[in-house]
N, C-alpha and C. Protein backbone atom coordinates (compact mmCIF):
# COMPACT_ATOMS: atom_id res chain seq x y z
N UNK A 1 262.18 320.92 89.31
CA UNK A 1 261.84 319.80 90.18
C UNK A 1 261.13 318.74 89.35
N UNK A 2 261.49 317.50 89.57
CA UNK A 2 260.88 316.38 88.86
C UNK A 2 259.51 316.08 89.44
N UNK A 3 258.62 315.55 88.60
CA UNK A 3 257.31 315.14 89.07
C UNK A 3 257.27 313.62 89.21
N UNK A 4 256.43 313.17 90.13
CA UNK A 4 256.24 311.73 90.33
C UNK A 4 254.77 311.41 90.13
N UNK A 5 254.52 310.48 89.22
CA UNK A 5 253.17 310.08 88.84
C UNK A 5 253.04 308.58 89.01
N UNK A 6 251.94 308.14 89.64
CA UNK A 6 251.71 306.70 89.84
C UNK A 6 250.49 306.27 89.06
N UNK A 7 250.52 305.04 88.56
CA UNK A 7 249.38 304.45 87.87
C UNK A 7 249.05 303.09 88.44
N UNK A 8 247.76 302.87 88.70
CA UNK A 8 247.30 301.59 89.23
C UNK A 8 246.05 301.14 88.49
N UNK A 9 245.98 299.86 88.17
CA UNK A 9 244.74 299.26 87.68
C UNK A 9 243.92 298.91 88.92
N UNK A 10 242.64 299.27 88.91
CA UNK A 10 241.77 299.03 90.05
C UNK A 10 240.46 298.43 89.56
N UNK A 11 239.91 297.52 90.35
CA UNK A 11 238.55 297.05 90.12
C UNK A 11 237.60 298.12 90.69
N UNK A 12 236.35 298.07 90.32
CA UNK A 12 235.37 299.05 90.78
C UNK A 12 235.24 299.05 92.30
N UNK A 13 235.53 297.93 92.94
CA UNK A 13 235.44 297.86 94.40
C UNK A 13 236.77 298.19 95.08
N UNK A 14 237.72 298.73 94.32
CA UNK A 14 238.97 299.20 94.90
C UNK A 14 240.09 298.18 94.96
N UNK A 15 239.85 296.95 94.53
CA UNK A 15 240.90 295.94 94.56
C UNK A 15 241.94 296.27 93.49
N UNK A 16 243.21 296.26 93.90
CA UNK A 16 244.32 296.55 92.98
C UNK A 16 245.25 295.35 92.82
N UNK A 17 244.98 294.28 93.52
CA UNK A 17 245.85 293.10 93.50
C UNK A 17 245.65 292.28 92.23
N UNK A 18 246.72 291.70 91.76
CA UNK A 18 246.71 290.71 90.67
C UNK A 18 245.97 291.18 89.42
N UNK A 19 246.25 292.38 88.91
CA UNK A 19 245.50 292.85 87.74
C UNK A 19 245.67 291.96 86.51
N UNK A 20 246.77 291.22 86.45
CA UNK A 20 246.96 290.31 85.30
C UNK A 20 245.87 289.24 85.24
N UNK A 21 245.15 289.04 86.34
CA UNK A 21 244.09 288.03 86.36
C UNK A 21 242.73 288.57 85.92
N UNK A 22 242.55 289.91 85.85
CA UNK A 22 241.22 290.45 85.54
C UNK A 22 241.24 291.66 84.61
N UNK A 23 242.36 292.24 84.36
CA UNK A 23 242.46 293.48 83.58
C UNK A 23 242.27 293.30 82.07
N UNK A 24 242.81 292.25 81.50
CA UNK A 24 242.92 292.14 80.04
C UNK A 24 241.60 292.16 79.27
N UNK A 25 240.49 291.63 79.78
CA UNK A 25 239.25 291.75 79.01
C UNK A 25 238.80 293.20 78.80
N UNK A 26 239.33 294.13 79.59
CA UNK A 26 238.94 295.53 79.50
C UNK A 26 239.99 296.39 78.78
N UNK A 27 241.03 295.74 78.30
CA UNK A 27 242.06 296.49 77.60
C UNK A 27 241.51 296.99 76.27
N UNK A 28 241.81 298.24 75.95
CA UNK A 28 241.38 298.83 74.68
C UNK A 28 242.47 299.81 74.24
N UNK A 29 242.34 300.31 73.02
CA UNK A 29 243.35 301.23 72.50
C UNK A 29 243.48 302.48 73.38
N UNK A 30 242.37 302.98 73.89
CA UNK A 30 242.41 304.17 74.74
C UNK A 30 243.22 303.92 76.01
N UNK A 31 243.00 302.76 76.61
CA UNK A 31 243.73 302.40 77.82
C UNK A 31 245.21 302.24 77.50
N UNK A 32 245.51 301.57 76.41
CA UNK A 32 246.90 301.41 76.00
C UNK A 32 247.59 302.75 75.78
N UNK A 33 246.90 303.67 75.13
CA UNK A 33 247.47 305.00 74.88
C UNK A 33 247.70 305.76 76.19
N UNK A 34 246.76 305.65 77.12
CA UNK A 34 246.90 306.34 78.41
C UNK A 34 248.08 305.78 79.20
N UNK A 35 248.23 304.47 79.21
CA UNK A 35 249.36 303.84 79.92
C UNK A 35 250.67 304.24 79.23
N UNK A 36 250.68 304.23 77.90
CA UNK A 36 251.89 304.60 77.16
C UNK A 36 252.27 306.04 77.45
N UNK A 37 251.28 306.91 77.52
CA UNK A 37 251.55 308.32 77.84
C UNK A 37 252.11 308.46 79.25
N UNK A 38 251.54 307.71 80.18
CA UNK A 38 251.96 307.77 81.57
C UNK A 38 253.41 307.28 81.73
N UNK A 39 253.69 306.12 81.19
CA UNK A 39 255.03 305.53 81.33
C UNK A 39 256.00 306.15 80.32
N UNK A 40 255.51 306.38 79.10
CA UNK A 40 256.38 306.88 78.04
C UNK A 40 256.91 308.26 78.26
N UNK A 41 256.25 309.05 79.07
CA UNK A 41 256.72 310.39 79.36
C UNK A 41 257.77 310.43 80.46
N UNK A 42 258.13 309.29 81.00
CA UNK A 42 259.06 309.22 82.13
C UNK A 42 260.41 308.66 81.69
N UNK A 43 261.47 309.17 82.30
CA UNK A 43 262.78 308.58 82.05
C UNK A 43 263.22 307.67 83.19
N UNK A 44 262.42 307.67 84.26
CA UNK A 44 262.73 306.86 85.44
C UNK A 44 261.44 306.22 85.92
N UNK A 45 261.54 304.94 86.30
CA UNK A 45 260.38 304.22 86.84
C UNK A 45 260.76 303.67 88.21
N UNK A 46 259.91 303.94 89.18
CA UNK A 46 260.11 303.45 90.54
C UNK A 46 259.18 302.26 90.75
N UNK A 47 259.75 301.15 91.22
CA UNK A 47 258.99 299.91 91.41
C UNK A 47 259.13 299.39 92.82
N UNK A 48 258.09 298.76 93.34
CA UNK A 48 258.23 297.85 94.47
C UNK A 48 258.82 296.56 93.92
N UNK A 49 259.40 295.75 94.78
CA UNK A 49 260.09 294.54 94.31
C UNK A 49 259.16 293.56 93.60
N UNK A 50 257.98 293.33 94.13
CA UNK A 50 257.07 292.36 93.52
C UNK A 50 256.68 292.79 92.11
N UNK A 51 256.32 294.05 91.95
CA UNK A 51 255.96 294.54 90.61
C UNK A 51 257.15 294.49 89.69
N UNK A 52 258.31 294.89 90.18
CA UNK A 52 259.52 294.83 89.35
C UNK A 52 259.78 293.39 88.88
N UNK A 53 259.68 292.43 89.80
CA UNK A 53 259.93 291.04 89.43
C UNK A 53 259.02 290.60 88.28
N UNK A 54 257.74 290.98 88.34
CA UNK A 54 256.81 290.63 87.27
C UNK A 54 257.18 291.30 85.95
N UNK A 55 257.53 292.57 86.00
CA UNK A 55 257.94 293.29 84.79
C UNK A 55 259.23 292.70 84.23
N UNK A 56 260.21 292.43 85.10
CA UNK A 56 261.51 291.92 84.65
C UNK A 56 261.39 290.53 84.06
N UNK A 57 260.40 289.80 84.49
CA UNK A 57 260.18 288.46 83.93
C UNK A 57 259.55 288.55 82.54
N UNK A 58 258.68 289.52 82.34
CA UNK A 58 257.92 289.59 81.10
C UNK A 58 258.53 290.48 80.02
N UNK A 59 258.93 291.70 80.37
CA UNK A 59 259.22 292.69 79.33
C UNK A 59 260.53 292.49 78.58
N UNK A 60 261.62 292.05 79.18
CA UNK A 60 262.81 291.79 78.36
C UNK A 60 262.55 290.69 77.32
N UNK A 61 261.79 289.67 77.70
CA UNK A 61 261.46 288.60 76.75
C UNK A 61 260.57 289.12 75.63
N UNK A 62 259.63 289.99 75.98
CA UNK A 62 258.75 290.58 74.96
C UNK A 62 259.56 291.43 73.99
N UNK A 63 260.50 292.18 74.51
CA UNK A 63 261.35 293.00 73.65
C UNK A 63 262.18 292.12 72.72
N UNK A 64 262.77 291.06 73.26
CA UNK A 64 263.58 290.15 72.45
C UNK A 64 262.75 289.45 71.38
N UNK A 65 261.48 289.18 71.67
CA UNK A 65 260.59 288.49 70.73
C UNK A 65 259.92 289.46 69.75
N UNK A 66 260.16 290.75 69.92
CA UNK A 66 259.54 291.73 69.03
C UNK A 66 258.07 291.97 69.32
N UNK A 67 257.63 291.70 70.55
CA UNK A 67 256.23 291.91 70.95
C UNK A 67 256.13 293.23 71.72
N UNK A 68 255.09 294.00 71.43
CA UNK A 68 254.90 295.28 72.12
C UNK A 68 256.21 296.06 72.16
N UNK A 69 256.86 296.13 71.01
CA UNK A 69 258.23 296.63 70.92
C UNK A 69 258.39 298.03 71.49
N UNK A 70 257.47 298.94 71.15
CA UNK A 70 257.63 300.32 71.61
C UNK A 70 257.66 300.40 73.13
N UNK A 71 256.69 299.77 73.79
CA UNK A 71 256.64 299.81 75.24
C UNK A 71 257.77 298.99 75.85
N UNK A 72 258.07 297.84 75.28
CA UNK A 72 259.14 296.99 75.81
C UNK A 72 260.48 297.71 75.77
N UNK A 73 260.78 298.39 74.68
CA UNK A 73 262.04 299.13 74.57
C UNK A 73 262.06 300.31 75.53
N UNK A 74 260.94 301.00 75.60
CA UNK A 74 260.85 302.14 76.51
C UNK A 74 261.12 301.70 77.96
N UNK A 75 260.49 300.60 78.37
CA UNK A 75 260.70 300.09 79.73
C UNK A 75 262.15 299.65 79.93
N UNK A 76 262.70 298.98 78.94
CA UNK A 76 264.09 298.53 79.06
C UNK A 76 265.08 299.67 79.14
N UNK A 77 264.85 300.72 78.36
CA UNK A 77 265.77 301.85 78.33
C UNK A 77 265.65 302.77 79.54
N UNK A 78 264.50 302.78 80.19
CA UNK A 78 264.28 303.66 81.34
C UNK A 78 265.16 303.24 82.51
N UNK A 79 265.48 304.21 83.34
CA UNK A 79 266.14 303.92 84.61
C UNK A 79 265.08 303.30 85.52
N UNK A 80 265.37 302.11 86.03
CA UNK A 80 264.43 301.40 86.89
C UNK A 80 265.01 301.33 88.29
N UNK A 81 264.26 301.88 89.25
CA UNK A 81 264.72 301.91 90.63
C UNK A 81 263.76 301.06 91.46
N UNK A 82 264.32 300.10 92.18
CA UNK A 82 263.51 299.11 92.88
C UNK A 82 263.62 299.28 94.39
N UNK A 83 262.47 299.25 95.05
CA UNK A 83 262.40 299.36 96.51
C UNK A 83 262.34 297.96 97.08
N UNK A 84 263.31 297.62 97.93
CA UNK A 84 263.30 296.32 98.60
C UNK A 84 264.20 296.39 99.82
N UNK A 85 263.83 295.65 100.86
CA UNK A 85 264.68 295.56 102.05
C UNK A 85 265.76 294.50 101.88
N UNK A 86 265.61 293.65 100.86
CA UNK A 86 266.60 292.62 100.57
C UNK A 86 267.54 293.10 99.48
N UNK A 87 268.81 292.68 99.54
CA UNK A 87 269.75 293.02 98.48
C UNK A 87 269.37 292.25 97.22
N UNK A 88 269.27 292.94 96.10
CA UNK A 88 268.80 292.34 94.85
C UNK A 88 269.92 292.27 93.82
N UNK A 89 269.84 291.26 92.97
CA UNK A 89 270.71 291.13 91.80
C UNK A 89 269.84 291.36 90.58
N UNK A 90 270.32 292.19 89.65
CA UNK A 90 269.51 292.56 88.51
C UNK A 90 270.07 291.99 87.21
N UNK A 91 269.16 291.53 86.35
CA UNK A 91 269.54 291.09 85.01
C UNK A 91 268.97 292.00 83.93
N UNK A 92 267.95 292.78 84.26
CA UNK A 92 267.32 293.70 83.31
C UNK A 92 268.12 295.00 83.30
N UNK A 93 268.48 295.46 82.12
CA UNK A 93 269.34 296.63 82.00
C UNK A 93 268.76 297.86 82.70
N UNK A 94 269.64 298.73 83.14
CA UNK A 94 269.29 300.01 83.75
C UNK A 94 268.51 299.87 85.05
N UNK A 95 268.73 298.79 85.78
CA UNK A 95 268.03 298.55 87.04
C UNK A 95 268.97 298.77 88.22
N UNK A 96 268.42 299.35 89.27
CA UNK A 96 269.19 299.60 90.49
C UNK A 96 268.25 299.56 91.68
N UNK A 97 268.81 299.53 92.86
CA UNK A 97 268.01 299.44 94.08
C UNK A 97 268.07 300.76 94.84
N UNK A 98 266.96 301.11 95.49
CA UNK A 98 266.95 302.30 96.35
C UNK A 98 267.93 302.07 97.49
N UNK A 99 268.89 302.97 97.61
CA UNK A 99 269.82 302.84 98.75
C UNK A 99 269.24 303.55 99.96
N UNK A 100 269.01 302.84 101.04
CA UNK A 100 268.53 303.48 102.25
C UNK A 100 267.04 303.72 102.28
N UNK A 101 266.65 304.80 102.92
CA UNK A 101 265.24 305.13 103.16
C UNK A 101 264.54 305.58 101.88
N UNK A 102 263.38 305.01 101.58
CA UNK A 102 262.63 305.35 100.37
C UNK A 102 262.28 306.82 100.31
N UNK A 103 261.70 307.36 101.36
CA UNK A 103 261.22 308.73 101.31
C UNK A 103 262.36 309.74 101.18
N UNK A 104 263.47 309.51 101.86
CA UNK A 104 264.64 310.38 101.70
C UNK A 104 265.15 310.31 100.26
N UNK A 105 265.20 309.09 99.72
CA UNK A 105 265.67 308.90 98.35
C UNK A 105 264.76 309.63 97.36
N UNK A 106 263.44 309.50 97.54
CA UNK A 106 262.50 310.13 96.61
C UNK A 106 262.57 311.65 96.71
N UNK A 107 262.76 312.18 97.90
CA UNK A 107 262.92 313.64 98.03
C UNK A 107 264.13 314.12 97.22
N UNK A 108 265.24 313.40 97.32
CA UNK A 108 266.44 313.75 96.54
C UNK A 108 266.19 313.56 95.05
N UNK A 109 265.51 312.50 94.68
CA UNK A 109 265.20 312.23 93.28
C UNK A 109 264.35 313.36 92.70
N UNK A 110 263.34 313.78 93.42
CA UNK A 110 262.46 314.87 92.96
C UNK A 110 263.24 316.17 92.78
N UNK A 111 264.16 316.43 93.67
CA UNK A 111 264.92 317.69 93.64
C UNK A 111 266.03 317.67 92.58
N UNK A 112 266.36 316.49 92.08
CA UNK A 112 267.46 316.34 91.15
C UNK A 112 267.11 316.65 89.71
N UNK A 113 268.08 316.44 88.85
CA UNK A 113 267.93 316.65 87.41
C UNK A 113 267.25 315.44 86.78
N UNK A 114 266.55 315.70 85.69
CA UNK A 114 265.94 314.61 84.93
C UNK A 114 264.49 314.89 84.63
N UNK A 115 263.89 313.94 83.94
CA UNK A 115 262.50 314.06 83.55
C UNK A 115 261.57 313.46 84.58
N UNK A 116 260.31 313.32 84.21
CA UNK A 116 259.31 312.77 85.12
C UNK A 116 259.65 311.35 85.58
N UNK A 117 259.16 311.01 86.76
CA UNK A 117 259.33 309.68 87.35
C UNK A 117 257.95 309.06 87.43
N UNK A 118 257.82 307.80 87.01
CA UNK A 118 256.53 307.13 87.15
C UNK A 118 256.66 305.95 88.10
N UNK A 119 255.54 305.61 88.70
CA UNK A 119 255.44 304.42 89.55
C UNK A 119 254.37 303.57 88.91
N UNK A 120 254.72 302.33 88.59
CA UNK A 120 253.77 301.43 87.94
C UNK A 120 253.39 300.34 88.93
N UNK A 121 252.10 300.24 89.25
CA UNK A 121 251.70 299.26 90.26
C UNK A 121 252.32 299.62 91.59
N UNK A 122 252.90 298.65 92.27
CA UNK A 122 253.69 298.90 93.48
C UNK A 122 252.88 299.63 94.55
N UNK A 123 251.83 298.98 95.02
CA UNK A 123 250.88 299.57 95.95
C UNK A 123 251.56 300.10 97.22
N UNK A 124 252.48 299.35 97.80
CA UNK A 124 253.11 299.81 99.05
C UNK A 124 253.92 301.08 98.82
N UNK A 125 254.55 301.20 97.66
CA UNK A 125 255.31 302.41 97.34
C UNK A 125 254.35 303.59 97.16
N UNK A 126 253.26 303.38 96.44
CA UNK A 126 252.27 304.43 96.22
C UNK A 126 251.71 304.91 97.56
N UNK A 127 251.39 303.98 98.44
CA UNK A 127 250.87 304.36 99.77
C UNK A 127 251.84 305.27 100.50
N UNK A 128 253.11 304.89 100.52
CA UNK A 128 254.11 305.68 101.24
C UNK A 128 254.27 307.07 100.63
N UNK A 129 254.28 307.14 99.30
CA UNK A 129 254.45 308.43 98.64
C UNK A 129 253.24 309.34 98.87
N UNK A 130 252.04 308.76 98.84
CA UNK A 130 250.84 309.55 99.11
C UNK A 130 250.85 310.09 100.54
N UNK A 131 251.15 309.23 101.50
CA UNK A 131 251.20 309.66 102.91
C UNK A 131 252.20 310.79 103.12
N UNK A 132 253.33 310.72 102.41
CA UNK A 132 254.40 311.71 102.59
C UNK A 132 254.20 312.96 101.75
N UNK A 133 253.15 312.99 100.93
CA UNK A 133 252.90 314.15 100.08
C UNK A 133 253.89 314.28 98.94
N UNK A 134 254.45 313.17 98.49
CA UNK A 134 255.47 313.19 97.43
C UNK A 134 254.94 312.82 96.06
N UNK A 135 253.68 312.45 95.98
CA UNK A 135 253.10 312.05 94.70
C UNK A 135 252.39 313.24 94.06
N UNK A 136 252.74 313.53 92.81
CA UNK A 136 252.13 314.67 92.11
C UNK A 136 250.82 314.29 91.43
N UNK A 137 250.72 313.07 90.93
CA UNK A 137 249.49 312.59 90.30
C UNK A 137 249.30 311.11 90.59
N UNK A 138 248.04 310.74 90.83
CA UNK A 138 247.66 309.35 90.99
C UNK A 138 246.66 309.03 89.88
N UNK A 139 247.06 308.15 88.98
CA UNK A 139 246.19 307.71 87.88
C UNK A 139 245.59 306.37 88.27
N UNK A 140 244.27 306.33 88.43
CA UNK A 140 243.57 305.09 88.70
C UNK A 140 242.79 304.69 87.45
N UNK A 141 243.05 303.50 86.98
CA UNK A 141 242.31 302.94 85.84
C UNK A 141 241.28 301.99 86.44
N UNK A 142 240.07 302.51 86.67
CA UNK A 142 239.03 301.77 87.39
C UNK A 142 238.22 300.95 86.40
N UNK A 143 238.36 299.64 86.51
CA UNK A 143 237.73 298.70 85.59
C UNK A 143 236.32 298.33 86.05
N UNK A 144 235.41 298.05 85.12
CA UNK A 144 234.03 297.73 85.48
C UNK A 144 233.87 296.28 85.91
N UNK A 145 234.51 295.95 87.02
CA UNK A 145 234.42 294.62 87.60
C UNK A 145 234.58 294.76 89.11
N UNK A 146 233.83 294.00 89.87
CA UNK A 146 233.98 293.95 91.32
C UNK A 146 234.53 292.57 91.67
N UNK A 147 235.60 292.54 92.44
CA UNK A 147 236.26 291.28 92.76
C UNK A 147 235.91 290.75 94.14
N UNK A 148 235.49 291.64 95.03
CA UNK A 148 235.03 291.19 96.35
C UNK A 148 236.11 290.90 97.36
N UNK A 149 237.32 290.63 96.91
CA UNK A 149 238.41 290.38 97.86
C UNK A 149 239.73 290.68 97.18
N UNK A 150 240.71 290.95 98.01
CA UNK A 150 242.04 291.24 97.50
C UNK A 150 242.56 292.56 98.04
N UNK A 151 243.80 292.79 97.82
CA UNK A 151 244.47 294.00 98.28
C UNK A 151 243.85 295.24 97.66
N UNK A 152 243.56 296.21 98.51
CA UNK A 152 243.05 297.51 98.06
C UNK A 152 244.13 298.56 98.31
N UNK A 153 244.02 299.68 97.62
CA UNK A 153 245.00 300.74 97.83
C UNK A 153 245.06 301.11 99.30
N UNK A 154 243.90 301.23 99.93
CA UNK A 154 243.85 301.53 101.36
C UNK A 154 243.01 300.47 102.04
N UNK A 155 243.51 299.94 103.15
CA UNK A 155 242.80 298.92 103.91
C UNK A 155 242.85 299.27 105.38
N UNK A 156 242.07 300.26 105.78
CA UNK A 156 241.98 300.65 107.19
C UNK A 156 243.34 301.00 107.78
N UNK A 157 244.21 301.62 106.98
CA UNK A 157 245.54 301.90 107.51
C UNK A 157 245.95 303.37 107.37
N UNK A 158 244.96 304.26 107.34
CA UNK A 158 245.25 305.69 107.31
C UNK A 158 245.02 306.29 108.68
N UNK A 159 246.00 307.02 109.18
CA UNK A 159 245.83 307.72 110.46
C UNK A 159 244.93 308.94 110.29
N UNK A 160 245.02 309.57 109.13
CA UNK A 160 244.16 310.72 108.82
C UNK A 160 243.90 310.71 107.31
N UNK A 161 242.82 311.34 106.89
CA UNK A 161 242.49 311.34 105.47
C UNK A 161 243.57 312.02 104.62
N UNK A 162 243.71 311.54 103.41
CA UNK A 162 244.56 312.18 102.42
C UNK A 162 243.61 312.85 101.44
N UNK A 163 243.61 314.16 101.42
CA UNK A 163 242.69 314.90 100.57
C UNK A 163 243.30 315.06 99.18
N UNK A 164 242.50 314.73 98.18
CA UNK A 164 242.94 314.79 96.79
C UNK A 164 242.01 315.71 96.01
N UNK A 165 242.51 316.19 94.90
CA UNK A 165 241.66 316.98 93.99
C UNK A 165 241.62 316.25 92.65
N UNK A 166 240.46 316.26 92.03
CA UNK A 166 240.29 315.63 90.74
C UNK A 166 240.92 316.51 89.67
N UNK A 167 241.80 315.92 88.88
CA UNK A 167 242.43 316.63 87.76
C UNK A 167 241.65 316.35 86.49
N UNK A 168 241.31 315.07 86.27
CA UNK A 168 240.50 314.71 85.11
C UNK A 168 239.93 313.32 85.29
N UNK A 169 238.91 313.03 84.47
CA UNK A 169 238.30 311.71 84.46
C UNK A 169 237.82 311.43 83.04
N UNK A 170 238.35 310.38 82.44
CA UNK A 170 237.94 309.96 81.11
C UNK A 170 237.26 308.60 81.20
N UNK A 171 236.31 308.35 80.31
CA UNK A 171 235.63 307.06 80.23
C UNK A 171 236.06 306.41 78.91
N UNK A 172 236.61 305.21 79.00
CA UNK A 172 237.04 304.48 77.80
C UNK A 172 235.89 303.62 77.28
N UNK A 173 235.99 303.21 76.03
CA UNK A 173 234.96 302.38 75.40
C UNK A 173 234.70 301.09 76.16
N UNK A 174 235.73 300.58 76.83
CA UNK A 174 235.60 299.32 77.59
C UNK A 174 234.81 299.51 78.88
N UNK A 175 234.49 300.76 79.23
CA UNK A 175 233.82 301.04 80.51
C UNK A 175 234.81 301.37 81.62
N UNK A 176 236.09 301.31 81.34
CA UNK A 176 237.11 301.65 82.32
C UNK A 176 237.20 303.17 82.46
N UNK A 177 237.30 303.62 83.70
CA UNK A 177 237.49 305.04 83.98
C UNK A 177 238.98 305.31 84.18
N UNK A 178 239.46 306.41 83.63
CA UNK A 178 240.81 306.88 83.90
C UNK A 178 240.67 308.13 84.76
N UNK A 179 240.87 307.96 86.05
CA UNK A 179 240.69 309.03 87.02
C UNK A 179 242.06 309.51 87.47
N UNK A 180 242.29 310.80 87.36
CA UNK A 180 243.58 311.36 87.75
C UNK A 180 243.36 312.33 88.92
N UNK A 181 244.07 312.06 90.00
CA UNK A 181 244.01 312.90 91.20
C UNK A 181 245.37 313.54 91.45
N UNK A 182 245.33 314.69 92.06
CA UNK A 182 246.54 315.36 92.53
C UNK A 182 246.34 315.74 93.98
N UNK A 183 247.40 316.21 94.63
CA UNK A 183 247.23 316.64 96.02
C UNK A 183 246.35 317.86 96.10
N UNK A 184 245.58 317.93 97.16
CA UNK A 184 244.72 319.11 97.36
C UNK A 184 245.60 320.23 97.89
N UNK A 185 245.54 321.36 97.21
CA UNK A 185 246.39 322.50 97.59
C UNK A 185 245.88 323.20 98.82
């Protein structure tokens, strides 16, 4: 059975929106290695449409320019599956759209052949997978900044608590925490 792992950049107050506006001052080699391990160990990446659009705008150009080559090539070569209610046209190689219901598709994906699946960003996808018990690990990269406003992973929209167990917690030189949770057994 395939595993599904999600990674999100988070501010200390839980805001996960627009990390490109606040994340980079806290980037360090440790954080880069953790993200590379998370994404690099996967042969498939599941994206929400908004996150995919941002990646598709940036990473093919970075690969062509020889910037961040290892990660850019890895992202380009991975199977990229995008969740959207609108029909999409893709220009980035190895991209496809989830056909039909997300949760049914992910159940089949997990049961199928292949390596680990990662979810990068894509808060709405992460929420759905957590609620359905389909996420094996949630990696939160909690940055030492409070933003005060913006989209949070959860915003008063849980019918019942989702119980998690701590797998590990690392502290990076930048003050960012790498917290990994799994489902509570």
